[in-house]
Amino acid sequence: MQPFAEAAVLQCPYCGEQVEVDVDPIGATHERYIEDCPVCCRPWTVHVARAEEAVGVTLGREDD
């Protein structure tokens, strides 16, 4: 049985709104993918880092 996704509350790098990003706690050590902001629809680059039980998530602008 796979654990449920964890929600990280972050700030959109474009519009500054607080947004929730769902991340699976199990997966590659480092992961990067594109996801659109649910508020302003601009594309973020989502960076996920997993180490043992900890999951770190950051958002970057796609145009950076």
C-alpha atoms as a PDB file:
ATOM      1  CA  MET A   1       0.000   0.000   0.000  1.00  0.00           C
ATOM      2  CA  GLN A   2       1.451   3.353  -1.042  1.00  0.00           C
ATOM      3  CA  PRO A   3       1.145   6.326   1.351  1.00  0.00           C
ATOM      4  CA  PHE A   4      -1.042   9.247   0.378  1.00  0.00           C
ATOM      5  CA  ALA A   5       0.465  12.353  -1.173  1.00  0.00           C
ATOM      6  CA  GLU A   6       1.633  15.020   1.237  1.00  0.00           C
ATOM      7  CA  ALA A   7       0.561  18.615   0.745  1.00  0.00           C
ATOM      8  CA  ALA A   8       3.123  21.402   0.879  1.00  0.00           C
ATOM      9  CA  VAL A   9       1.835  24.978   1.214  1.00  0.00           C
ATOM     10  CA  LEU A  10       4.094  27.316  -0.758  1.00  0.00           C
ATOM     11  CA  GLN A  11       3.983  30.727  -2.392  1.00  0.00           C
ATOM     12  CA  CYS A  12       3.578  31.042  -6.173  1.00  0.00           C
ATOM     13  CA  PRO A  13       6.750  32.645  -7.583  1.00  0.00           C
ATOM     14  CA  TYR A  14       4.622  34.664 -10.040  1.00  0.00           C
ATOM     15  CA  CYS A  15       1.491  35.928  -8.260  1.00  0.00           C
ATOM     16  CA  GLY A  16       2.578  35.434  -4.633  1.00  0.00           C
ATOM     17  CA  GLU A  17      -0.563  33.513  -3.618  1.00  0.00           C
ATOM     18  CA  GLN A  18      -0.340  30.659  -1.118  1.00  0.00           C
ATOM     19  CA  VAL A  19      -0.844  27.395  -3.022  1.00  0.00           C
ATOM     20  CA  GLU A  20      -0.968  23.739  -2.079  1.00  0.00           C
ATOM     21  CA  VAL A  21       1.268  21.297  -3.959  1.00  0.00           C
ATOM     22  CA  ASP A  22       0.653  17.557  -3.533  1.00  0.00           C
ATOM     23  CA  VAL A  23       3.832  15.467  -3.478  1.00  0.00           C
ATOM     24  CA  ASP A  24       4.230  11.714  -3.128  1.00  0.00           C
ATOM     25  CA  PRO A  25       6.484  10.880  -0.180  1.00  0.00           C
ATOM     26  CA  ILE A  26       7.950   7.932  -2.115  1.00  0.00           C
ATOM     27  CA  GLY A  27       9.864   8.370  -5.347  1.00  0.00           C
ATOM     28  CA  ALA A  28      13.207   9.426  -6.781  1.00  0.00           C
ATOM     29  CA  THR A  29      15.638  11.225  -4.478  1.00  0.00           C
ATOM     30  CA  HIS A  30      15.444  14.333  -6.707  1.00  0.00           C
ATOM     31  CA  GLU A  31      12.590  15.153  -9.025  1.00  0.00           C
ATOM     32  CA  ARG A  32      11.658  18.159 -11.159  1.00  0.00           C
ATOM     33  CA  TYR A  33       8.469  18.751 -13.127  1.00  0.00           C
ATOM     34  CA  ILE A  34       6.261  21.563 -14.457  1.00  0.00           C
ATOM     35  CA  GLU A  35       2.885  22.375 -12.906  1.00  0.00           C
ATOM     36  CA  ASP A  36       0.569  25.339 -13.476  1.00  0.00           C
ATOM     37  CA  CYS A  37      -0.473  27.674 -10.655  1.00  0.00           C
ATOM     38  CA  PRO A  38      -4.178  27.147  -9.854  1.00  0.00           C
ATOM     39  CA  VAL A  39      -4.530  30.912  -9.254  1.00  0.00           C
ATOM     40  CA  CYS A  40      -2.656  32.669 -12.095  1.00  0.00           C
ATOM     41  CA  CYS A  41      -2.102  29.665 -14.432  1.00  0.00           C
ATOM     42  CA  ARG A  42       1.620  30.443 -14.904  1.00  0.00           C
ATOM     43  CA  PRO A  43       3.949  27.408 -15.084  1.00  0.00           C
ATOM     44  CA  TRP A  44       6.180  26.616 -12.088  1.00  0.00           C
ATOM     45  CA  THR A  45       9.125  24.300 -11.928  1.00  0.00           C
ATOM     46  CA  VAL A  46       8.490  22.062  -8.924  1.00  0.00           C
ATOM     47  CA  HIS A  47      11.675  20.746  -7.288  1.00  0.00           C
ATOM     48  CA  VAL A  48      11.254  17.767  -4.937  1.00  0.00           C
ATOM     49  CA  ALA A  49      14.022  16.363  -2.735  1.00  0.00           C
ATOM     50  CA  ARG A  50      13.438  13.219  -0.692  1.00  0.00           C
ATOM     51  CA  ALA A  51      15.712  12.018   2.113  1.00  0.00           C
ATOM     52  CA  GLU A  52      14.511   9.111   4.250  1.00  0.00           C
ATOM     53  CA  GLU A  53      11.223  10.355   5.764  1.00  0.00           C
ATOM     54  CA  ALA A  54      11.662  14.032   4.831  1.00  0.00           C
ATOM     55  CA  VAL A  55      10.313  15.580   1.635  1.00  0.00           C
ATOM     56  CA  GLY A  56      11.397  19.080   0.591  1.00  0.00           C
ATOM     57  CA  VAL A  57       9.499  21.028  -2.072  1.00  0.00           C
ATOM     58  CA  THR A  58      10.389  24.346  -3.702  1.00  0.00           C
ATOM     59  CA  LEU A  59       8.818  26.263  -6.587  1.00  0.00           C
ATOM     60  CA  GLY A  60      10.727  28.144  -9.239  1.00  0.00           C
ATOM     61  CA  ARG A  61       9.745  30.239 -12.201  1.00  0.00           C
ATOM     62  CA  GLU A  62       9.851  28.351 -15.478  1.00  0.00           C
ATOM     63  CA  ASP A  63      11.546  31.336 -17.123  1.00  0.00           C
ATOM     64  CA  ASP A  64      14.486  31.311 -14.636  1.00  0.00           C
END
